[in-house]
Amino acid sequence: MPDHLGDEEQKRLASRAIPPLVMAGYKVNIDSDLFDETAYQQAAREVRANRPRPARRQPPPAASSSRPTPSRLTP
């Protein structure tokens, strides 16, 4: 954290960084003295709200009801 920030602002920034890091696959370990529950919860809500939704898969096209024509064998 930048030295020019106060203790409370450092806690807030550190706590807000956790949800995006976890979503990116990182394991986060933060000292309890640096953890701000309110800032963390707000950041977690923002991450969930901005997370892209998985694309909806289109169902496969319906199969034709007619029977396929067998291939003709030539002698």
C-alpha atoms as a PDB file:
ATOM      1  CA  MET A   1       0.000   0.000   0.000  1.00  0.00           C
ATOM      2  CA  PRO A   2       1.189   3.512  -0.682  1.00  0.00           C
ATOM      3  CA  ASP A   3       2.679   5.169   2.409  1.00  0.00           C
ATOM      4  CA  HIS A   4       0.757   8.412   1.911  1.00  0.00           C
ATOM      5  CA  LEU A   5      -2.586   6.680   2.598  1.00  0.00           C
ATOM      6  CA  GLY A   6      -3.971   6.562   6.094  1.00  0.00           C
ATOM      7  CA  ASP A   7      -4.483   3.296   7.938  1.00  0.00           C
ATOM      8  CA  GLU A   8      -8.231   3.153   7.234  1.00  0.00           C
ATOM      9  CA  GLU A   9      -7.765   3.815   3.519  1.00  0.00           C
ATOM     10  CA  GLN A  10      -5.096   1.100   3.349  1.00  0.00           C
ATOM     11  CA  LYS A  11      -7.495  -1.358   5.016  1.00  0.00           C
ATOM     12  CA  ARG A  12     -10.256  -0.418   2.596  1.00  0.00           C
ATOM     13  CA  LEU A  13      -8.064  -0.812  -0.488  1.00  0.00           C
ATOM     14  CA  ALA A  14      -6.573  -4.112   0.676  1.00  0.00           C
ATOM     15  CA  SER A  15     -10.012  -5.522   1.459  1.00  0.00           C
ATOM     16  CA  ARG A  16     -11.489  -4.366  -1.850  1.00  0.00           C
ATOM     17  CA  ALA A  17      -8.677  -6.107  -3.739  1.00  0.00           C
ATOM     18  CA  ILE A  18      -9.606  -9.548  -2.388  1.00  0.00           C
ATOM     19  CA  PRO A  19     -12.731 -10.431  -4.457  1.00  0.00           C
ATOM     20  CA  PRO A  20     -11.211  -9.723  -7.893  1.00  0.00           C
ATOM     21  CA  LEU A  21      -8.065 -11.627  -6.947  1.00  0.00           C
ATOM     22  CA  VAL A  22     -10.102 -14.630  -5.799  1.00  0.00           C
ATOM     23  CA  MET A  23     -12.162 -14.528  -9.023  1.00  0.00           C
ATOM     24  CA  ALA A  24      -8.900 -14.534 -10.979  1.00  0.00           C
ATOM     25  CA  GLY A  25      -7.878 -17.739  -9.209  1.00  0.00           C
ATOM     26  CA  TYR A  26      -5.493 -16.387  -6.600  1.00  0.00           C
ATOM     27  CA  LYS A  27      -5.422 -17.579  -3.002  1.00  0.00           C
ATOM     28  CA  VAL A  28      -5.530 -14.503  -0.753  1.00  0.00           C
ATOM     29  CA  ASN A  29      -4.213 -14.344   2.796  1.00  0.00           C
ATOM     30  CA  ILE A  30      -4.746 -11.028   4.573  1.00  0.00           C
ATOM     31  CA  ASP A  31      -3.901 -10.087   8.123  1.00  0.00           C
ATOM     32  CA  SER A  32      -7.002  -9.444  10.225  1.00  0.00           C
ATOM     33  CA  ASP A  33      -5.619  -5.999  11.102  1.00  0.00           C
ATOM     34  CA  LEU A  34      -5.893  -5.048   7.414  1.00  0.00           C
ATOM     35  CA  PHE A  35      -9.322  -6.548   6.754  1.00  0.00           C
ATOM     36  CA  ASP A  36     -12.374  -4.284   6.420  1.00  0.00           C
ATOM     37  CA  GLU A  37     -15.530  -6.414   6.213  1.00  0.00           C
ATOM     38  CA  THR A  38     -17.721  -3.628   4.792  1.00  0.00           C
ATOM     39  CA  ALA A  39     -15.286  -2.800   1.986  1.00  0.00           C
ATOM     40  CA  TYR A  40     -14.852  -6.486   1.207  1.00  0.00           C
ATOM     41  CA  GLN A  41     -18.623  -7.104   0.993  1.00  0.00           C
ATOM     42  CA  GLN A  42     -19.126  -4.085  -1.264  1.00  0.00           C
ATOM     43  CA  ALA A  43     -16.334  -5.195  -3.597  1.00  0.00           C
ATOM     44  CA  ALA A  44     -17.713  -8.749  -3.681  1.00  0.00           C
ATOM     45  CA  ARG A  45     -21.156  -7.444  -4.704  1.00  0.00           C
ATOM     46  CA  GLU A  46     -19.567  -5.326  -7.448  1.00  0.00           C
ATOM     47  CA  VAL A  47     -17.558  -8.270  -8.779  1.00  0.00           C
ATOM     48  CA  ARG A  48     -20.658 -10.477  -8.892  1.00  0.00           C
ATOM     49  CA  ALA A  49     -22.689  -7.741 -10.602  1.00  0.00           C
ATOM     50  CA  ASN A  50     -20.024  -7.153 -13.267  1.00  0.00           C
ATOM     51  CA  ARG A  51     -19.142 -10.795 -13.896  1.00  0.00           C
ATOM     52  CA  PRO A  52     -19.976 -11.762 -17.473  1.00  0.00           C
ATOM     53  CA  ARG A  53     -22.742 -14.288 -17.751  1.00  0.00           C
ATOM     54  CA  PRO A  54     -21.949 -17.552 -19.567  1.00  0.00           C
ATOM     55  CA  ALA A  55     -23.201 -17.520 -23.138  1.00  0.00           C
ATOM     56  CA  ARG A  56     -26.424 -19.403 -23.635  1.00  0.00           C
ATOM     57  CA  ARG A  57     -25.902 -22.468 -25.720  1.00  0.00           C
ATOM     58  CA  GLN A  58     -28.187 -22.848 -28.682  1.00  0.00           C
ATOM     59  CA  PRO A  59     -29.928 -26.224 -28.909  1.00  0.00           C
ATOM     60  CA  PRO A  60     -28.742 -28.397 -31.789  1.00  0.00           C
ATOM     61  CA  PRO A  61     -30.898 -28.215 -34.918  1.00  0.00           C
ATOM     62  CA  ALA A  62     -33.737 -30.707 -35.032  1.00  0.00           C
ATOM     63  CA  ALA A  63     -32.956 -33.875 -36.947  1.00  0.00           C
ATOM     64  CA  SER A  64     -34.832 -34.458 -40.166  1.00  0.00           C
ATOM     65  CA  SER A  65     -37.767 -36.827 -39.780  1.00  0.00           C
ATOM     66  CA  SER A  66     -37.175 -38.446 -43.173  1.00  0.00           C
ATOM     67  CA  ARG A  67     -35.031 -41.555 -43.369  1.00  0.00           C
ATOM     68  CA  PRO A  68     -31.673 -41.190 -45.063  1.00  0.00           C
ATOM     69  CA  THR A  69     -31.418 -42.669 -48.520  1.00  0.00           C
ATOM     70  CA  PRO A  70     -29.096 -45.691 -48.510  1.00  0.00           C
ATOM     71  CA  SER A  71     -26.046 -45.379 -50.690  1.00  0.00           C
ATOM     72  CA  ARG A  72     -26.184 -47.358 -53.903  1.00  0.00           C
ATOM     73  CA  LEU A  73     -23.576 -50.052 -54.364  1.00  0.00           C
ATOM     74  CA  THR A  74     -22.263 -50.635 -57.866  1.00  0.00           C
ATOM     75  CA  PRO A  75     -20.991 -54.038 -58.869  1.00  0.00           C
END
